[in-house]
Every structure is written in structure tokens, then in C-alpha cells.
Amino acid sequence: MKNEIIAYLKKHGESQDADIAKEVGLSLQKILPLLYDLTAKGDIMSYQSTKFVNGKPIEGMRCRVSGFIPKAAPGRKSGKVQLKLS
């Protein structure tokens, strides 16, 4: 189950605990201990967050894979900006 969570986070990036539970097919009460365990082992990073939907606060945990840098999105990129220090 932990591998499925990490695969989901690699594919979708940073996600809310409720979204992860929904995708993996477990209840929020069953997914939270797994997320805490993955955080304690350093496999994922997590933090508490509040998001507002129609003005109503929703508390939850946001998670992402530790040390994972996703590939750059396809398409044109802006040029590099060089700063000159005087």
C-alpha cells in the first residue's frame, strides 16, 4: 500500500490526504497512519494545511515525495536571468 501512495505522489505531485485516500481506495482513518509512517521514515514530506472551499475551512495534511523533482513540463521555457552583483 505504501508503494501505491508513493507512486500516486510521483504521478500527481503534492496532494491532500483526502485525495490520496480516495485514489488508493482506503478511508482517511486508514491512510493517515501510513502517511505518518512514510513521513517518519523520510520517504515523503508532509505538513498540516487549511484550504478554503466556498469559504469553509478544510483541515488536512499535504504530502509530497521527498527529494523528487518532476520532469520539466513540455513547451517553451523562459530565458535564464543572470543577476550582476555590484
N, C-alpha and C. Protein backbone atom coordinates (compact mmCIF):
# COMPACT_ATOMS: atom_id res chain seq x y z
N MET A 1 0.82 -1.19 0.00
CA MET A 1 0.00 0.00 0.00
C MET A 1 0.87 1.27 0.00
N LYS A 2 2.00 1.24 0.72
CA LYS A 2 2.88 2.40 0.78
C LYS A 2 3.48 2.71 -0.59
N ASN A 3 3.77 1.67 -1.36
CA ASN A 3 4.30 1.88 -2.70
C ASN A 3 3.27 2.56 -3.60
N GLU A 4 1.99 2.23 -3.40
CA GLU A 4 0.93 2.87 -4.18
C GLU A 4 0.83 4.35 -3.84
N ILE A 5 1.00 4.69 -2.57
CA ILE A 5 0.95 6.09 -2.14
C ILE A 5 2.10 6.86 -2.78
N ILE A 6 3.31 6.30 -2.74
CA ILE A 6 4.47 6.98 -3.32
C ILE A 6 4.30 7.11 -4.84
N ALA A 7 3.79 6.08 -5.50
CA ALA A 7 3.57 6.14 -6.94
C ALA A 7 2.54 7.23 -7.28
N TYR A 8 1.49 7.34 -6.48
CA TYR A 8 0.47 8.37 -6.70
C TYR A 8 1.09 9.77 -6.56
N LEU A 9 1.91 9.97 -5.52
CA LEU A 9 2.52 11.27 -5.29
C LEU A 9 3.52 11.62 -6.39
N LYS A 10 4.24 10.64 -6.91
CA LYS A 10 5.17 10.90 -8.01
C LYS A 10 4.41 11.30 -9.27
N LYS A 11 3.27 10.69 -9.48
CA LYS A 11 2.49 10.98 -10.68
C LYS A 11 1.76 12.32 -10.57
N HIS A 12 1.16 12.60 -9.42
CA HIS A 12 0.30 13.77 -9.27
C HIS A 12 0.93 14.93 -8.51
N GLY A 13 2.10 14.72 -7.93
CA GLY A 13 2.75 15.78 -7.17
C GLY A 13 2.12 15.93 -5.79
N GLU A 14 2.34 17.09 -5.18
CA GLU A 14 1.85 17.35 -3.83
C GLU A 14 0.33 17.21 -3.79
N SER A 15 -0.17 16.47 -2.79
CA SER A 15 -1.61 16.19 -2.71
C SER A 15 -2.10 16.21 -1.28
N GLN A 16 -3.39 16.43 -1.14
CA GLN A 16 -4.07 16.42 0.16
C GLN A 16 -4.32 14.97 0.59
N ASP A 17 -4.30 14.72 1.89
CA ASP A 17 -4.50 13.37 2.41
C ASP A 17 -5.81 12.75 1.95
N ALA A 18 -6.87 13.54 1.88
CA ALA A 18 -8.17 13.01 1.45
C ALA A 18 -8.13 12.56 -0.01
N ASP A 19 -7.40 13.30 -0.85
CA ASP A 19 -7.28 12.92 -2.26
C ASP A 19 -6.48 11.62 -2.42
N ILE A 20 -5.44 11.47 -1.62
CA ILE A 20 -4.63 10.24 -1.65
C ILE A 20 -5.48 9.06 -1.22
N ALA A 21 -6.24 9.22 -0.14
CA ALA A 21 -7.09 8.14 0.36
C ALA A 21 -8.11 7.73 -0.70
N LYS A 22 -8.71 8.70 -1.35
CA LYS A 22 -9.71 8.43 -2.38
C LYS A 22 -9.12 7.65 -3.54
N GLU A 23 -7.93 8.07 -3.98
CA GLU A 23 -7.27 7.41 -5.11
C GLU A 23 -6.82 5.99 -4.78
N VAL A 24 -6.29 5.79 -3.57
CA VAL A 24 -5.77 4.48 -3.17
C VAL A 24 -6.91 3.53 -2.80
N GLY A 25 -8.05 4.10 -2.40
CA GLY A 25 -9.21 3.26 -2.07
C GLY A 25 -9.31 2.89 -0.60
N LEU A 26 -8.72 3.71 0.26
CA LEU A 26 -8.82 3.49 1.70
C LEU A 26 -9.52 4.67 2.34
N SER A 27 -10.00 4.45 3.56
CA SER A 27 -10.60 5.55 4.30
C SER A 27 -9.50 6.46 4.82
N LEU A 28 -9.87 7.66 5.19
CA LEU A 28 -8.90 8.62 5.71
C LEU A 28 -8.29 8.11 7.01
N GLN A 29 -9.08 7.42 7.84
CA GLN A 29 -8.57 6.88 9.10
C GLN A 29 -7.52 5.80 8.87
N LYS A 30 -7.61 5.07 7.77
CA LYS A 30 -6.63 4.02 7.48
C LYS A 30 -5.39 4.56 6.77
N ILE A 31 -5.55 5.65 6.04
CA ILE A 31 -4.41 6.17 5.27
C ILE A 31 -3.49 7.03 6.13
N LEU A 32 -4.04 7.71 7.15
CA LEU A 32 -3.23 8.60 7.98
C LEU A 32 -2.05 7.90 8.66
N PRO A 33 -2.24 6.73 9.29
CA PRO A 33 -1.07 6.06 9.89
C PRO A 33 0.01 5.71 8.86
N LEU A 34 -0.40 5.36 7.65
CA LEU A 34 0.57 5.06 6.59
C LEU A 34 1.35 6.32 6.20
N LEU A 35 0.64 7.45 6.11
CA LEU A 35 1.31 8.70 5.78
C LEU A 35 2.27 9.13 6.88
N TYR A 36 1.85 8.97 8.15
CA TYR A 36 2.73 9.30 9.27
C TYR A 36 3.98 8.42 9.26
N ASP A 37 3.81 7.14 8.95
CA ASP A 37 4.94 6.21 8.89
C ASP A 37 5.91 6.59 7.77
N LEU A 38 5.37 6.90 6.58
CA LEU A 38 6.21 7.29 5.46
C LEU A 38 6.94 8.60 5.76
N THR A 39 6.29 9.50 6.48
CA THR A 39 6.93 10.76 6.87
C THR A 39 8.06 10.50 7.87
N ALA A 40 7.81 9.63 8.84
CA ALA A 40 8.83 9.31 9.85
C ALA A 40 10.06 8.66 9.22
N LYS A 41 9.85 7.85 8.19
CA LYS A 41 10.97 7.19 7.50
C LYS A 41 11.69 8.12 6.53
N GLY A 42 11.09 9.27 6.23
CA GLY A 42 11.71 10.22 5.32
C GLY A 42 11.38 9.98 3.86
N ASP A 43 10.45 9.06 3.59
CA ASP A 43 10.08 8.79 2.20
C ASP A 43 9.23 9.91 1.61
N ILE A 44 8.42 10.54 2.44
CA ILE A 44 7.60 11.66 2.00
C ILE A 44 7.76 12.81 2.98
N MET A 45 7.41 13.99 2.53
CA MET A 45 7.36 15.16 3.40
C MET A 45 5.90 15.54 3.54
N SER A 46 5.50 15.95 4.74
CA SER A 46 4.11 16.33 4.94
C SER A 46 4.02 17.51 5.89
N TYR A 47 2.91 18.22 5.79
CA TYR A 47 2.65 19.34 6.69
C TYR A 47 1.14 19.55 6.78
N GLN A 48 0.72 20.15 7.87
CA GLN A 48 -0.70 20.43 8.08
C GLN A 48 -1.07 21.67 7.28
N SER A 49 -2.24 21.65 6.67
CA SER A 49 -2.68 22.81 5.90
C SER A 49 -4.18 23.00 6.04
N THR A 50 -4.60 24.20 5.73
CA THR A 50 -6.02 24.53 5.71
C THR A 50 -6.33 25.09 4.34
N LYS A 51 -7.31 24.49 3.66
CA LYS A 51 -7.73 25.06 2.39
C LYS A 51 -9.19 25.46 2.53
N PHE A 52 -9.58 26.47 1.80
CA PHE A 52 -10.93 27.00 1.90
C PHE A 52 -11.70 26.67 0.63
N VAL A 53 -12.85 26.02 0.81
CA VAL A 53 -13.73 25.69 -0.30
C VAL A 53 -15.05 26.40 -0.02
N ASN A 54 -15.39 27.33 -0.88
CA ASN A 54 -16.59 28.16 -0.70
C ASN A 54 -16.61 28.83 0.67
N GLY A 55 -15.46 29.29 1.12
CA GLY A 55 -15.36 29.98 2.40
C GLY A 55 -15.35 29.08 3.61
N LYS A 56 -15.43 27.77 3.41
CA LYS A 56 -15.43 26.81 4.52
C LYS A 56 -14.03 26.22 4.67
N PRO A 57 -13.42 26.33 5.87
CA PRO A 57 -12.07 25.79 6.05
C PRO A 57 -12.07 24.26 6.11
N ILE A 58 -11.11 23.66 5.42
CA ILE A 58 -10.94 22.20 5.44
C ILE A 58 -9.52 21.92 5.89
N GLU A 59 -9.37 21.32 7.05
CA GLU A 59 -8.06 20.98 7.62
C GLU A 59 -7.60 19.65 7.04
N GLY A 60 -6.31 19.52 6.83
CA GLY A 60 -5.78 18.26 6.33
C GLY A 60 -4.27 18.28 6.27
N MET A 61 -3.72 17.21 5.75
CA MET A 61 -2.28 17.06 5.61
C MET A 61 -1.95 17.04 4.13
N ARG A 62 -0.95 17.81 3.73
CA ARG A 62 -0.46 17.78 2.36
C ARG A 62 0.84 17.02 2.34
N CYS A 63 1.03 16.21 1.31
CA CYS A 63 2.20 15.33 1.23
C CYS A 63 2.84 15.43 -0.15
N ARG A 64 4.15 15.20 -0.18
CA ARG A 64 4.87 15.08 -1.44
C ARG A 64 6.05 14.14 -1.21
N VAL A 65 6.59 13.60 -2.28
CA VAL A 65 7.72 12.68 -2.19
C VAL A 65 8.98 13.47 -1.85
N SER A 66 9.76 12.99 -0.91
CA SER A 66 11.00 13.65 -0.51
C SER A 66 12.04 13.55 -1.62
N GLY A 67 12.67 14.66 -1.93
CA GLY A 67 13.77 14.67 -2.88
C GLY A 67 13.40 14.38 -4.32
N PHE A 68 12.13 14.35 -4.65
CA PHE A 68 11.69 14.03 -6.00
C PHE A 68 11.48 15.33 -6.78
N ILE A 69 12.16 15.46 -7.90
CA ILE A 69 11.99 16.63 -8.76
C ILE A 69 11.36 16.14 -10.06
N PRO A 70 10.12 16.55 -10.33
CA PRO A 70 9.45 16.08 -11.54
C PRO A 70 10.12 16.64 -12.80
N LYS A 71 9.93 15.96 -13.92
CA LYS A 71 10.47 16.43 -15.19
C LYS A 71 9.82 17.75 -15.54
N ALA A 72 10.55 18.58 -16.27
CA ALA A 72 10.02 19.87 -16.70
C ALA A 72 8.85 19.65 -17.65
N ALA A 73 7.88 20.51 -17.56
CA ALA A 73 6.72 20.43 -18.45
C ALA A 73 7.16 20.74 -19.87
N PRO A 74 6.52 20.09 -20.86
CA PRO A 74 6.90 20.36 -22.24
C PRO A 74 6.52 21.78 -22.64
N GLY A 75 7.21 22.30 -23.64
CA GLY A 75 6.88 23.63 -24.13
C GLY A 75 8.03 24.60 -23.97
N ARG A 76 7.79 25.77 -24.41
CA ARG A 76 8.81 26.81 -24.41
C ARG A 76 9.10 27.27 -22.98
N LYS A 77 10.37 27.50 -22.71
CA LYS A 77 10.81 27.95 -21.39
C LYS A 77 11.32 29.38 -21.49
N SER A 78 11.16 30.11 -20.42
CA SER A 78 11.69 31.47 -20.40
C SER A 78 13.21 31.40 -20.32
N GLY A 79 13.86 32.45 -20.78
CA GLY A 79 15.32 32.50 -20.75
C GLY A 79 15.82 32.65 -19.32
N LYS A 80 17.07 32.26 -19.13
CA LYS A 80 17.67 32.38 -17.80
C LYS A 80 17.98 33.85 -17.52
N VAL A 81 17.74 34.25 -16.31
CA VAL A 81 18.03 35.63 -15.90
C VAL A 81 19.31 35.60 -15.09
N GLN A 82 20.27 36.41 -15.49
CA GLN A 82 21.52 36.48 -14.77
C GLN A 82 21.56 37.77 -13.97
N LEU A 83 21.87 37.66 -12.71
CA LEU A 83 21.97 38.82 -11.85
C LEU A 83 23.43 39.22 -11.73
N LYS A 84 23.69 40.51 -11.86
CA LYS A 84 25.06 41.01 -11.68
C LYS A 84 25.12 41.70 -10.33
N LEU A 85 26.03 41.24 -9.52
CA LEU A 85 26.22 41.85 -8.22
C LEU A 85 27.30 42.92 -8.33
N SER A 86 27.01 44.10 -7.84
CA SER A 86 27.97 45.19 -7.91
C SER A 86 28.84 45.23 -6.69
